[in-house]
């Protein structure tokens, strides 16, 4: 008897889990993976642990409402640059000139600013 592992896994897979995965967040926020891991680990972005639909391994998922809540309070530098269609260093220079500083994150993380401070300068 021959079995195709993919077909067997598809047969036992549960319905797709709602929410954004780690990689989806990285792409939407335009930040690096280390930043996403830090935001999820510290609870700045609340996530829900669920079983993956195929592998059954635990995964973190973030609801779209939680992402909206995060963006109402914070603005990542990469997201601002993407919205303006320019490079992040140009946006950072404008914010530095206006004396708007990013929140404290480790050196290897992307820069994130408070929305209320950065939005008026960048006009997003």
PDB file of N, CA and C in Angstrom:
ATOM      1  N   UNK A   1       0.840  -1.169   0.000  1.00  0.00           N
ATOM      2  CA  UNK A   1       0.000   0.000   0.000  1.00  0.00           C
ATOM      3  C   UNK A   1       0.892   1.241   0.000  1.00  0.00           C
ATOM      4  N   UNK A   2       0.634   2.167  -0.904  1.00  0.00           N
ATOM      5  CA  UNK A   2       1.407   3.400  -1.003  1.00  0.00           C
ATOM      6  C   UNK A   2       0.589   4.556  -0.444  1.00  0.00           C
ATOM      7  N   UNK A   3       1.227   5.338   0.389  1.00  0.00           N
ATOM      8  CA  UNK A   3       0.575   6.508   0.971  1.00  0.00           C
ATOM      9  C   UNK A   3       1.367   7.759   0.617  1.00  0.00           C
ATOM     10  N   UNK A   4       0.655   8.778   0.286  1.00  0.00           N
ATOM     11  CA  UNK A   4       1.270  10.079   0.074  1.00  0.00           C
ATOM     12  C   UNK A   4       1.097  10.858   1.379  1.00  0.00           C
ATOM     13  N   UNK A   5       2.201  11.231   1.997  1.00  0.00           N
ATOM     14  CA  UNK A   5       2.145  11.904   3.293  1.00  0.00           C
ATOM     15  C   UNK A   5       1.336  13.192   3.231  1.00  0.00           C
ATOM     16  N   UNK A   6       1.461  13.951   2.140  1.00  0.00           N
ATOM     17  CA  UNK A   6       0.696  15.198   2.015  1.00  0.00           C
ATOM     18  C   UNK A   6      -0.809  14.937   2.007  1.00  0.00           C
ATOM     19  N   UNK A   7      -1.239  13.886   1.324  1.00  0.00           N
ATOM     20  CA  UNK A   7      -2.662  13.558   1.282  1.00  0.00           C
ATOM     21  C   UNK A   7      -3.166  13.127   2.653  1.00  0.00           C
ATOM     22  N   UNK A   8      -2.360  12.373   3.375  1.00  0.00           N
ATOM     23  CA  UNK A   8      -2.751  11.943   4.719  1.00  0.00           C
ATOM     24  C   UNK A   8      -2.856  13.142   5.648  1.00  0.00           C
ATOM     25  N   UNK A   9      -1.880  14.045   5.589  1.00  0.00           N
ATOM     26  CA  UNK A   9      -1.922  15.246   6.429  1.00  0.00           C
ATOM     27  C   UNK A   9      -3.109  16.129   6.068  1.00  0.00           C
ATOM     28  N   UNK A  10      -3.400  16.259   4.779  1.00  0.00           N
ATOM     29  CA  UNK A  10      -4.563  17.046   4.358  1.00  0.00           C
ATOM     30  C   UNK A  10      -5.856  16.450   4.893  1.00  0.00           C
ATOM     31  N   UNK A  11      -5.921  15.142   4.940  1.00  0.00           N
ATOM     32  CA  UNK A  11      -7.117  14.480   5.426  1.00  0.00           C
ATOM     33  C   UNK A  11      -7.355  14.762   6.918  1.00  0.00           C
ATOM     34  N   UNK A  12      -6.291  14.801   7.692  1.00  0.00           N
ATOM     35  CA  UNK A  12      -6.410  15.022   9.126  1.00  0.00           C
ATOM     36  C   UNK A  12      -6.284  16.481   9.537  1.00  0.00           C
ATOM     37  N   UNK A  13      -6.025  17.355   8.598  1.00  0.00           N
ATOM     38  CA  UNK A  13      -5.843  18.775   8.919  1.00  0.00           C
ATOM     39  C   UNK A  13      -7.162  19.372   9.383  1.00  0.00           C
ATOM     40  N   UNK A  14      -7.059  20.268  10.345  1.00  0.00           N
ATOM     41  CA  UNK A  14      -8.236  20.995  10.813  1.00  0.00           C
ATOM     42  C   UNK A  14      -8.405  22.234   9.947  1.00  0.00           C
ATOM     43  N   UNK A  15      -9.482  22.929  10.144  1.00  0.00           N
ATOM     44  CA  UNK A  15      -9.719  24.129   9.347  1.00  0.00           C
ATOM     45  C   UNK A  15      -8.640  25.165   9.607  1.00  0.00           C
ATOM     46  N   UNK A  16      -8.451  26.011   8.622  1.00  0.00           N
ATOM     47  CA  UNK A  16      -7.428  27.043   8.710  1.00  0.00           C
ATOM     48  C   UNK A  16      -7.682  27.952   9.910  1.00  0.00           C
ATOM     49  N   UNK A  17      -6.611  28.350  10.557  1.00  0.00           N
ATOM     50  CA  UNK A  17      -6.694  29.203  11.735  1.00  0.00           C
ATOM     51  C   UNK A  17      -6.675  30.664  11.290  1.00  0.00           C
ATOM     52  N   UNK A  18      -7.567  31.446  11.866  1.00  0.00           N
ATOM     53  CA  UNK A  18      -7.642  32.865  11.532  1.00  0.00           C
ATOM     54  C   UNK A  18      -6.521  33.641  12.205  1.00  0.00           C
ATOM     55  N   UNK A  19      -6.090  34.709  11.574  1.00  0.00           N
ATOM     56  CA  UNK A  19      -5.081  35.580  12.151  1.00  0.00           C
ATOM     57  C   UNK A  19      -3.839  35.653  11.304  1.00  0.00           C
ATOM     58  N   UNK A  20      -2.965  36.548  11.688  1.00  0.00           N
ATOM     59  CA  UNK A  20      -1.722  36.796  10.962  1.00  0.00           C
ATOM     60  C   UNK A  20      -0.571  36.033  11.591  1.00  0.00           C
ATOM     61  N   UNK A  21       0.236  35.420  10.746  1.00  0.00           N
ATOM     62  CA  UNK A  21       1.406  34.697  11.217  1.00  0.00           C
ATOM     63  C   UNK A  21       2.573  35.665  11.397  1.00  0.00           C
ATOM     64  N   UNK A  22       3.658  35.161  11.945  1.00  0.00           N
ATOM     65  CA  UNK A  22       4.875  35.926  12.191  1.00  0.00           C
ATOM     66  C   UNK A  22       5.352  36.602  10.899  1.00  0.00           C
ATOM     67  N   UNK A  23       5.415  35.839   9.819  1.00  0.00           N
ATOM     68  CA  UNK A  23       5.904  36.373   8.552  1.00  0.00           C
ATOM     69  C   UNK A  23       4.939  37.397   7.958  1.00  0.00           C
ATOM     70  N   UNK A  24       3.638  37.190   8.146  1.00  0.00           N
ATOM     71  CA  UNK A  24       2.652  38.165   7.667  1.00  0.00           C
ATOM     72  C   UNK A  24       2.834  39.506   8.378  1.00  0.00           C
ATOM     73  N   UNK A  25       3.075  39.461   9.681  1.00  0.00           N
ATOM     74  CA  UNK A  25       3.311  40.692  10.447  1.00  0.00           C
ATOM     75  C   UNK A  25       4.563  41.407   9.966  1.00  0.00           C
ATOM     76  N   UNK A  26       5.618  40.635   9.730  1.00  0.00           N
ATOM     77  CA  UNK A  26       6.876  41.218   9.271  1.00  0.00           C
ATOM     78  C   UNK A  26       6.673  41.972   7.959  1.00  0.00           C
ATOM     79  N   UNK A  27       5.938  41.382   7.056  1.00  0.00           N
ATOM     80  CA  UNK A  27       5.697  42.014   5.756  1.00  0.00           C
ATOM     81  C   UNK A  27       4.783  43.227   5.865  1.00  0.00           C
ATOM     82  N   UNK A  28       3.757  43.146   6.694  1.00  0.00           N
ATOM     83  CA  UNK A  28       2.827  44.270   6.823  1.00  0.00           C
ATOM     84  C   UNK A  28       3.427  45.464   7.550  1.00  0.00           C
ATOM     85  N   UNK A  29       4.265  45.195   8.553  1.00  0.00           N
ATOM     86  CA  UNK A  29       4.841  46.280   9.339  1.00  0.00           C
ATOM     87  C   UNK A  29       6.166  46.783   8.776  1.00  0.00           C
ATOM     88  N   UNK A  30       6.762  46.045   7.842  1.00  0.00           N
ATOM     89  CA  UNK A  30       8.047  46.415   7.242  1.00  0.00           C
ATOM     90  C   UNK A  30       9.138  46.538   8.300  1.00  0.00           C
ATOM     91  N   UNK A  31       9.213  45.525   9.160  1.00  0.00           N
ATOM     92  CA  UNK A  31      10.258  45.447  10.179  1.00  0.00           C
ATOM     93  C   UNK A  31      10.941  44.093  10.065  1.00  0.00           C
ATOM     94  N   UNK A  32      12.070  43.936  10.765  1.00  0.00           N
ATOM     95  CA  UNK A  32      12.777  42.653  10.693  1.00  0.00           C
ATOM     96  C   UNK A  32      12.144  41.623  11.627  1.00  0.00           C
ATOM     97  N   UNK A  33      12.550  40.398  11.439  1.00  0.00           N
ATOM     98  CA  UNK A  33      11.986  39.276  12.187  1.00  0.00           C
ATOM     99  C   UNK A  33      12.273  39.379  13.687  1.00  0.00           C
ATOM    100  N   UNK A  34      13.443  39.890  14.041  1.00  0.00           N
ATOM    101  CA  UNK A  34      13.790  40.055  15.461  1.00  0.00           C
ATOM    102  C   UNK A  34      12.830  41.006  16.158  1.00  0.00           C
ATOM    103  N   UNK A  35      12.405  42.035  15.458  1.00  0.00           N
ATOM    104  CA  UNK A  35      11.473  43.006  16.032  1.00  0.00           C
ATOM    105  C   UNK A  35      10.118  42.359  16.280  1.00  0.00           C
ATOM    106  N   UNK A  36       9.640  41.574  15.316  1.00  0.00           N
ATOM    107  CA  UNK A  36       8.358  40.889  15.485  1.00  0.00           C
ATOM    108  C   UNK A  36       8.425  39.944  16.679  1.00  0.00           C
ATOM    109  N   UNK A  37       9.508  39.191  16.789  1.00  0.00           N
ATOM    110  CA  UNK A  37       9.664  38.266  17.915  1.00  0.00           C
ATOM    111  C   UNK A  37       9.633  39.010  19.239  1.00  0.00           C
ATOM    112  N   UNK A  38      10.312  40.145  19.312  1.00  0.00           N
ATOM    113  CA  UNK A  38      10.341  40.933  20.537  1.00  0.00           C
ATOM    114  C   UNK A  38       8.955  41.478  20.861  1.00  0.00           C
ATOM    115  N   UNK A  39       8.248  42.007  19.867  1.00  0.00           N
ATOM    116  CA  UNK A  39       6.918  42.567  20.098  1.00  0.00           C
ATOM    117  C   UNK A  39       5.937  41.501  20.584  1.00  0.00           C
ATOM    118  N   UNK A  40       6.022  40.308  20.038  1.00  0.00           N
ATOM    119  CA  UNK A  40       5.140  39.222  20.464  1.00  0.00           C
ATOM    120  C   UNK A  40       5.523  38.705  21.847  1.00  0.00           C
ATOM    121  N   UNK A  41       6.820  38.564  22.090  1.00  0.00           N
ATOM    122  CA  UNK A  41       7.306  38.023  23.374  1.00  0.00           C
ATOM    123  C   UNK A  41       6.980  38.960  24.530  1.00  0.00           C
ATOM    124  N   UNK A  42       7.104  40.265  24.319  1.00  0.00           N
ATOM    125  CA  UNK A  42       6.851  41.229  25.398  1.00  0.00           C
ATOM    126  C   UNK A  42       5.380  41.583  25.538  1.00  0.00           C
ATOM    127  N   UNK A  43       4.553  41.174  24.580  1.00  0.00           N
ATOM    128  CA  UNK A  43       3.123  41.449  24.673  1.00  0.00           C
ATOM    129  C   UNK A  43       2.713  42.801  24.128  1.00  0.00           C
ATOM    130  N   UNK A  44       3.621  43.512  23.478  1.00  0.00           N
ATOM    131  CA  UNK A  44       3.242  44.783  22.849  1.00  0.00           C
ATOM    132  C   UNK A  44       2.201  44.509  21.769  1.00  0.00           C
ATOM    133  N   UNK A  45       2.373  43.408  21.060  1.00  0.00           N
ATOM    134  CA  UNK A  45       1.341  42.888  20.164  1.00  0.00           C
ATOM    135  C   UNK A  45       0.873  41.577  20.785  1.00  0.00           C
ATOM    136  N   UNK A  46      -0.397  41.534  21.158  1.00  0.00           N
ATOM    137  CA  UNK A  46      -0.944  40.333  21.795  1.00  0.00           C
ATOM    138  C   UNK A  46      -1.183  39.260  20.735  1.00  0.00           C
ATOM    139  N   UNK A  47      -0.755  38.059  21.050  1.00  0.00           N
ATOM    140  CA  UNK A  47      -0.943  36.954  20.119  1.00  0.00           C
ATOM    141  C   UNK A  47      -1.666  35.805  20.821  1.00  0.00           C
ATOM    142  N   UNK A  48      -2.171  34.922  20.016  1.00  0.00           N
ATOM    143  CA  UNK A  48      -2.884  33.762  20.521  1.00  0.00           C
ATOM    144  C   UNK A  48      -2.149  32.519  20.037  1.00  0.00           C
ATOM    145  N   UNK A  49      -1.868  31.585  20.939  1.00  0.00           N
ATOM    146  CA  UNK A  49      -1.193  30.337  20.573  1.00  0.00           C
ATOM    147  C   UNK A  49      -2.246  29.341  20.102  1.00  0.00           C
ATOM    148  N   UNK A  50      -2.065  28.848  18.888  1.00  0.00           N
ATOM    149  CA  UNK A  50      -2.979  27.865  18.315  1.00  0.00           C
ATOM    150  C   UNK A  50      -2.166  26.742  17.685  1.00  0.00           C
ATOM    151  N   UNK A  51      -2.826  25.624  17.425  1.00  0.00           N
ATOM    152  CA  UNK A  51      -2.167  24.522  16.730  1.00  0.00           C
ATOM    153  C   UNK A  51      -2.234  24.769  15.233  1.00  0.00           C
ATOM    154  N   UNK A  52      -1.124  24.533  14.563  1.00  0.00           N
ATOM    155  CA  UNK A  52      -1.091  24.683  13.116  1.00  0.00           C
ATOM    156  C   UNK A  52      -2.043  23.711  12.444  1.00  0.00           C
ATOM    157  N   UNK A  53      -2.696  24.117  11.358  1.00  0.00           N
ATOM    158  CA  UNK A  53      -3.694  23.261  10.728  1.00  0.00           C
ATOM    159  C   UNK A  53      -3.108  21.986  10.120  1.00  0.00           C
ATOM    160  N   UNK A  54      -1.880  22.000   9.664  1.00  0.00           N
ATOM    161  CA  UNK A  54      -1.284  20.803   9.060  1.00  0.00           C
ATOM    162  C   UNK A  54      -0.327  20.094  10.000  1.00  0.00           C
ATOM    163  N   UNK A  55       0.590  20.838  10.564  1.00  0.00           N
ATOM    164  CA  UNK A  55       1.638  20.209  11.367  1.00  0.00           C
ATOM    165  C   UNK A  55       1.213  19.950  12.800  1.00  0.00           C
ATOM    166  N   UNK A  56       0.184  20.668  13.268  1.00  0.00           N
ATOM    167  CA  UNK A  56      -0.310  20.564  14.643  1.00  0.00           C
ATOM    168  C   UNK A  56       0.670  21.129  15.672  1.00  0.00           C
ATOM    169  N   UNK A  57       1.764  21.751  15.204  1.00  0.00           N
ATOM    170  CA  UNK A  57       2.692  22.405  16.114  1.00  0.00           C
ATOM    171  C   UNK A  57       2.106  23.742  16.546  1.00  0.00           C
ATOM    172  N   UNK A  58       2.438  24.209  17.757  1.00  0.00           N
ATOM    173  CA  UNK A  58       1.897  25.490  18.205  1.00  0.00           C
ATOM    174  C   UNK A  58       2.435  26.650  17.361  1.00  0.00           C
ATOM    175  N   UNK A  59       1.557  27.586  17.074  1.00  0.00           N
ATOM    176  CA  UNK A  59       1.899  28.787  16.328  1.00  0.00           C
ATOM    177  C   UNK A  59       1.284  29.992  17.013  1.00  0.00           C
ATOM    178  N   UNK A  60       1.901  31.156  16.800  1.00  0.00           N
ATOM    179  CA  UNK A  60       1.323  32.403  17.290  1.00  0.00           C
ATOM    180  C   UNK A  60       0.542  33.051  16.162  1.00  0.00           C
ATOM    181  N   UNK A  61      -0.655  33.498  16.469  1.00  0.00           N
ATOM    182  CA  UNK A  61      -1.479  34.208  15.499  1.00  0.00           C
ATOM    183  C   UNK A  61      -1.939  35.520  16.117  1.00  0.00           C
ATOM    184  N   UNK A  62      -1.985  36.557  15.294  1.00  0.00           N
ATOM    185  CA  UNK A  62      -2.393  37.885  15.739  1.00  0.00           C
ATOM    186  C   UNK A  62      -3.645  38.279  14.966  1.00  0.00           C
ATOM    187  N   UNK A  63      -4.639  38.743  15.669  1.00  0.00           N
ATOM    188  CA  UNK A  63      -5.882  39.153  15.006  1.00  0.00           C
ATOM    189  C   UNK A  63      -5.661  40.491  14.292  1.00  0.00           C
ATOM    190  N   UNK A  64      -6.393  40.733  13.209  1.00  0.00           N
ATOM    191  CA  UNK A  64      -6.282  42.026  12.516  1.00  0.00           C
ATOM    192  C   UNK A  64      -6.632  43.204  13.427  1.00  0.00           C
ATOM    193  N   UNK A  65      -7.555  42.996  14.358  1.00  0.00           N
ATOM    194  CA  UNK A  65      -7.917  44.065  15.293  1.00  0.00           C
ATOM    195  C   UNK A  65      -6.739  44.413  16.201  1.00  0.00           C
ATOM    196  N   UNK A  66      -5.977  43.405  16.607  1.00  0.00           N
ATOM    197  CA  UNK A  66      -4.809  43.636  17.451  1.00  0.00           C
ATOM    198  C   UNK A  66      -3.744  44.410  16.679  1.00  0.00           C
ATOM    199  N   UNK A  67      -3.587  44.099  15.402  1.00  0.00           N
ATOM    200  CA  UNK A  67      -2.637  44.843  14.569  1.00  0.00           C
ATOM    201  C   UNK A  67      -3.081  46.296  14.431  1.00  0.00           C
ATOM    202  N   UNK A  68      -4.366  46.533  14.252  1.00  0.00           N
ATOM    203  CA  UNK A  68      -4.887  47.898  14.179  1.00  0.00           C
ATOM    204  C   UNK A  68      -4.651  48.652  15.484  1.00  0.00           C
ATOM    205  N   UNK A  69      -4.830  47.949  16.615  1.00  0.00           N
ATOM    206  CA  UNK A  69      -4.582  48.569  17.928  1.00  0.00           C
ATOM    207  C   UNK A  69      -3.119  48.971  18.060  1.00  0.00           C
ATOM    208  N   UNK A  70      -2.220  48.091  17.613  1.00  0.00           N
ATOM    209  CA  UNK A  70      -0.796  48.387  17.658  1.00  0.00           C
ATOM    210  C   UNK A  70      -0.470  49.605  16.794  1.00  0.00           C
ATOM    211  N   UNK A  71      -1.002  49.649  15.580  1.00  0.00           N
ATOM    212  CA  UNK A  71      -0.708  50.761  14.664  1.00  0.00           C
ATOM    213  C   UNK A  71      -1.342  52.070  15.108  1.00  0.00           C
ATOM    214  N   UNK A  72      -2.371  52.021  15.936  1.00  0.00           N
ATOM    215  CA  UNK A  72      -2.952  53.240  16.477  1.00  0.00           C
ATOM    216  C   UNK A  72      -2.015  53.882  17.497  1.00  0.00           C
ATOM    217  N   UNK A  73      -1.139  53.077  18.082  1.00  0.00           N
ATOM    218  CA  UNK A  73      -0.219  53.598  19.093  1.00  0.00           C
ATOM    219  C   UNK A  73       1.209  53.767  18.586  1.00  0.00           C
ATOM    220  N   UNK A  74       1.658  52.889  17.682  1.00  0.00           N
ATOM    221  CA  UNK A  74       3.046  52.900  17.217  1.00  0.00           C
ATOM    222  C   UNK A  74       3.117  52.980  15.693  1.00  0.00           C
ATOM    223  N   UNK A  75       4.225  53.528  15.190  1.00  0.00           N
ATOM    224  CA  UNK A  75       4.505  53.566  13.753  1.00  0.00           C
ATOM    225  C   UNK A  75       5.919  53.072  13.496  1.00  0.00           C
ATOM    226  N   UNK A  76       6.076  51.939  12.825  1.00  0.00           N
ATOM    227  CA  UNK A  76       7.415  51.468  12.466  1.00  0.00           C
ATOM    228  C   UNK A  76       8.021  52.348  11.371  1.00  0.00           C
ATOM    229  N   UNK A  77       9.322  52.542  11.447  1.00  0.00           N
ATOM    230  CA  UNK A  77      10.024  53.365  10.474  1.00  0.00           C
ATOM    231  C   UNK A  77       9.868  52.811   9.063  1.00  0.00           C
ATOM    232  N   UNK A  78       9.988  51.509   8.905  1.00  0.00           N
ATOM    233  CA  UNK A  78       9.865  50.894   7.577  1.00  0.00           C
ATOM    234  C   UNK A  78       8.492  51.100   6.971  1.00  0.00           C
ATOM    235  N   UNK A  79       7.455  51.060   7.794  1.00  0.00           N
ATOM    236  CA  UNK A  79       6.094  51.275   7.311  1.00  0.00           C
ATOM    237  C   UNK A  79       5.909  52.719   6.847  1.00  0.00           C
ATOM    238  N   UNK A  80       6.459  53.669   7.605  1.00  0.00           N
ATOM    239  CA  UNK A  80       6.365  55.073   7.197  1.00  0.00           C
ATOM    240  C   UNK A  80       7.096  55.299   5.872  1.00  0.00           C
ATOM    241  N   UNK A  81       8.284  54.721   5.741  1.00  0.00           N
ATOM    242  CA  UNK A  81       9.060  54.877   4.510  1.00  0.00           C
ATOM    243  C   UNK A  81       8.320  54.257   3.326  1.00  0.00           C
ATOM    244  N   UNK A  82       7.728  53.102   3.540  1.00  0.00           N
ATOM    245  CA  UNK A  82       6.975  52.437   2.468  1.00  0.00           C
ATOM    246  C   UNK A  82       5.776  53.287   2.049  1.00  0.00           C
ATOM    247  N   UNK A  83       5.059  53.846   3.028  1.00  0.00           N
ATOM    248  CA  UNK A  83       3.886  54.669   2.727  1.00  0.00           C
ATOM    249  C   UNK A  83       4.269  55.939   1.964  1.00  0.00           C
ATOM    250  N   UNK A  84       5.454  56.487   2.262  1.00  0.00           N
ATOM    251  CA  UNK A  84       5.914  57.694   1.582  1.00  0.00           C
ATOM    252  C   UNK A  84       6.649  57.401   0.275  1.00  0.00           C
ATOM    253  N   UNK A  85       6.990  56.141   0.052  1.00  0.00           N
ATOM    254  CA  UNK A  85       7.702  55.759  -1.159  1.00  0.00           C
ATOM    255  C   UNK A  85       9.142  56.240  -1.178  1.00  0.00           C
ATOM    256  N   UNK A  86       9.776  56.228  -0.022  1.00  0.00           N
ATOM    257  CA  UNK A  86      11.164  56.679   0.082  1.00  0.00           C
ATOM    258  C   UNK A  86      11.940  55.708   0.956  1.00  0.00           C
ATOM    259  N   UNK A  87      13.218  56.023   1.167  1.00  0.00           N
ATOM    260  CA  UNK A  87      14.050  55.174   2.006  1.00  0.00           C
ATOM    261  C   UNK A  87      13.866  55.517   3.477  1.00  0.00           C
ATOM    262  N   UNK A  88      14.087  54.524   4.315  1.00  0.00           N
ATOM    263  CA  UNK A  88      13.914  54.706   5.754  1.00  0.00           C
ATOM    264  C   UNK A  88      14.871  55.745   6.314  1.00  0.00           C
ATOM    265  N   UNK A  89      16.079  55.838   5.760  1.00  0.00           N
ATOM    266  CA  UNK A  89      17.039  56.813   6.306  1.00  0.00           C
ATOM    267  C   UNK A  89      16.561  58.245   6.083  1.00  0.00           C
ATOM    268  N   UNK A  90      15.804  58.515   5.012  1.00  0.00           N
ATOM    269  CA  UNK A  90      15.265  59.860   4.787  1.00  0.00           C
ATOM    270  C   UNK A  90      14.182  60.195   5.809  1.00  0.00           C
ATOM    271  N   UNK A  91      13.341  59.222   6.092  1.00  0.00           N
ATOM    272  CA  UNK A  91      12.286  59.425   7.082  1.00  0.00           C
ATOM    273  C   UNK A  91      12.911  59.599   8.467  1.00  0.00           C
ATOM    274  N   UNK A  92      13.899  58.780   8.793  1.00  0.00           N
ATOM    275  CA  UNK A  92      14.576  58.886  10.092  1.00  0.00           C
ATOM    276  C   UNK A  92      15.249  60.244  10.243  1.00  0.00           C
ATOM    277  N   UNK A  93      15.818  60.759   9.177  1.00  0.00           N
ATOM    278  CA  UNK A  93      16.467  62.076   9.234  1.00  0.00           C
ATOM    279  C   UNK A  93      15.441  63.173   9.508  1.00  0.00           C
ATOM    280  N   UNK A  94      14.262  63.082   8.888  1.00  0.00           N
ATOM    281  CA  UNK A  94      13.207  64.068   9.147  1.00  0.00           C
ATOM    282  C   UNK A  94      12.749  64.020  10.593  1.00  0.00           C
ATOM    283  N   UNK A  95      12.613  62.813  11.115  1.00  0.00           N
ATOM    284  CA  UNK A  95      12.172  62.669  12.503  1.00  0.00           C
ATOM    285  C   UNK A  95      13.247  63.132  13.478  1.00  0.00           C
ATOM    286  N   UNK A  96      14.507  62.839  13.175  1.00  0.00           N
ATOM    287  CA  UNK A  96      15.606  63.301  14.037  1.00  0.00           C
ATOM    288  C   UNK A  96      15.680  64.825  14.049  1.00  0.00           C
ATOM    289  N   UNK A  97      15.480  65.424  12.896  1.00  0.00           N
ATOM    290  CA  UNK A  97      15.524  66.886  12.793  1.00  0.00           C
ATOM    291  C   UNK A  97      14.412  67.529  13.632  1.00  0.00           C
ATOM    292  N   UNK A  98      13.267  66.849  13.698  1.00  0.00           N
ATOM    293  CA  UNK A  98      12.147  67.339  14.506  1.00  0.00           C
ATOM    294  C   UNK A  98      12.252  66.893  15.963  1.00  0.00           C
ATOM    295  N   UNK A  99      13.341  66.216  16.298  1.00  0.00           N
ATOM    296  CA  UNK A  99      13.591  65.700  17.640  1.00  0.00           C
ATOM    297  C   UNK A  99      12.512  64.739  18.124  1.00  0.00           C
ATOM    298  N   UNK A 100      12.117  63.846  17.230  1.00  0.00           N
ATOM    299  CA  UNK A 100      11.210  62.752  17.559  1.00  0.00           C
ATOM    300  C   UNK A 100      12.062  61.492  17.576  1.00  0.00           C
ATOM    301  N   UNK A 101      12.073  60.805  18.705  1.00  0.00           N
ATOM    302  CA  UNK A 101      12.964  59.657  18.887  1.00  0.00           C
ATOM    303  C   UNK A 101      12.184  58.359  18.951  1.00  0.00           C
ATOM    304  N   UNK A 102      12.786  57.255  18.478  1.00  0.00           N
ATOM    305  CA  UNK A 102      12.101  55.958  18.543  1.00  0.00           C
ATOM    306  C   UNK A 102      12.036  55.442  19.977  1.00  0.00           C
ATOM    307  N   UNK A 103      11.138  54.486  20.183  1.00  0.00           N
ATOM    308  CA  UNK A 103      11.058  53.858  21.502  1.00  0.00           C
ATOM    309  C   UNK A 103      12.303  53.002  21.698  1.00  0.00           C
ATOM    310  N   UNK A 104      12.615  52.736  22.947  1.00  0.00           N
ATOM    311  CA  UNK A 104      13.818  51.955  23.256  1.00  0.00           C
ATOM    312  C   UNK A 104      13.611  50.490  22.919  1.00  0.00           C
ATOM    313  N   UNK A 105      14.404  50.019  21.966  1.00  0.00           N
ATOM    314  CA  UNK A 105      14.433  48.613  21.582  1.00  0.00           C
ATOM    315  C   UNK A 105      15.892  48.211  21.442  1.00  0.00           C
ATOM    316  N   UNK A 106      16.188  46.932  21.508  1.00  0.00           N
ATOM    317  CA  UNK A 106      17.582  46.502  21.322  1.00  0.00           C
ATOM    318  C   UNK A 106      18.130  46.935  19.957  1.00  0.00           C
ATOM    319  N   UNK A 107      19.443  46.975  19.855  1.00  0.00           N
ATOM    320  CA  UNK A 107      20.143  47.462  18.662  1.00  0.00           C
ATOM    321  C   UNK A 107      19.754  46.716  17.389  1.00  0.00           C
ATOM    322  N   UNK A 108      19.501  45.417  17.480  1.00  0.00           N
ATOM    323  CA  UNK A 108      19.215  44.608  16.297  1.00  0.00           C
ATOM    324  C   UNK A 108      17.765  44.722  15.813  1.00  0.00           C
ATOM    325  N   UNK A 109      16.949  45.506  16.496  1.00  0.00           N
ATOM    326  CA  UNK A 109      15.540  45.653  16.127  1.00  0.00           C
ATOM    327  C   UNK A 109      15.327  46.895  15.268  1.00  0.00           C
ATOM    328  N   UNK A 110      14.258  46.861  14.495  1.00  0.00           N
ATOM    329  CA  UNK A 110      13.876  48.005  13.674  1.00  0.00           C
ATOM    330  C   UNK A 110      13.389  49.140  14.562  1.00  0.00           C
ATOM    331  N   UNK A 111      13.436  50.361  14.026  1.00  0.00           N
ATOM    332  CA  UNK A 111      12.994  51.520  14.800  1.00  0.00           C
ATOM    333  C   UNK A 111      11.478  51.631  14.754  1.00  0.00           C
ATOM    334  N   UNK A 112      10.906  51.916  15.919  1.00  0.00           N
ATOM    335  CA  UNK A 112       9.463  52.104  16.043  1.00  0.00           C
ATOM    336  C   UNK A 112       9.234  53.386  16.833  1.00  0.00           C
ATOM    337  N   UNK A 113       8.337  54.233  16.328  1.00  0.00           N
ATOM    338  CA  UNK A 113       8.036  55.526  16.939  1.00  0.00           C
ATOM    339  C   UNK A 113       6.618  55.522  17.490  1.00  0.00           C
ATOM    340  N   UNK A 114       6.360  56.421  18.425  1.00  0.00           N
ATOM    341  CA  UNK A 114       5.001  56.608  18.910  1.00  0.00           C
ATOM    342  C   UNK A 114       4.206  57.317  17.819  1.00  0.00           C
ATOM    343  N   UNK A 115       3.017  56.847  17.553  1.00  0.00           N
ATOM    344  CA  UNK A 115       2.184  57.372  16.473  1.00  0.00           C
ATOM    345  C   UNK A 115       1.890  58.850  16.661  1.00  0.00           C
ATOM    346  N   UNK A 116       1.542  59.240  17.888  1.00  0.00           N
ATOM    347  CA  UNK A 116       1.160  60.625  18.139  1.00  0.00           C
ATOM    348  C   UNK A 116       2.307  61.608  17.938  1.00  0.00           C
ATOM    349  N   UNK A 117       3.540  61.146  18.072  1.00  0.00           N
ATOM    350  CA  UNK A 117       4.692  62.030  17.868  1.00  0.00           C
ATOM    351  C   UNK A 117       5.143  62.042  16.407  1.00  0.00           C
ATOM    352  N   UNK A 118       5.131  60.898  15.759  1.00  0.00           N
ATOM    353  CA  UNK A 118       5.682  60.787  14.412  1.00  0.00           C
ATOM    354  C   UNK A 118       4.697  61.183  13.310  1.00  0.00           C
ATOM    355  N   UNK A 119       3.434  60.877  13.465  1.00  0.00           N
ATOM    356  CA  UNK A 119       2.451  61.130  12.404  1.00  0.00           C
ATOM    357  C   UNK A 119       2.365  62.594  11.986  1.00  0.00           C
ATOM    358  N   UNK A 120       2.372  63.556  12.920  1.00  0.00           N
ATOM    359  CA  UNK A 120       2.305  64.957  12.465  1.00  0.00           C
ATOM    360  C   UNK A 120       3.531  65.381  11.640  1.00  0.00           C
ATOM    361  N   UNK A 121       4.683  64.842  11.951  1.00  0.00           N
ATOM    362  CA  UNK A 121       5.904  65.193  11.221  1.00  0.00           C
ATOM    363  C   UNK A 121       5.886  64.587   9.833  1.00  0.00           C
ATOM    364  N   UNK A 122       5.466  63.348   9.737  1.00  0.00           N
ATOM    365  CA  UNK A 122       5.493  62.609   8.470  1.00  0.00           C
ATOM    366  C   UNK A 122       4.199  62.836   7.690  1.00  0.00           C
ATOM    367  N   UNK A 123       3.122  63.189   8.370  1.00  0.00           N
ATOM    368  CA  UNK A 123       1.800  63.417   7.754  1.00  0.00           C
ATOM    369  C   UNK A 123       1.271  62.179   7.070  1.00  0.00           C
ATOM    370  N   UNK A 124       1.253  61.063   7.827  1.00  0.00           N
ATOM    371  CA  UNK A 124       0.635  59.831   7.312  1.00  0.00           C
ATOM    372  C   UNK A 124      -0.803  59.799   7.760  1.00  0.00           C
TER     373      UNK A 124
END
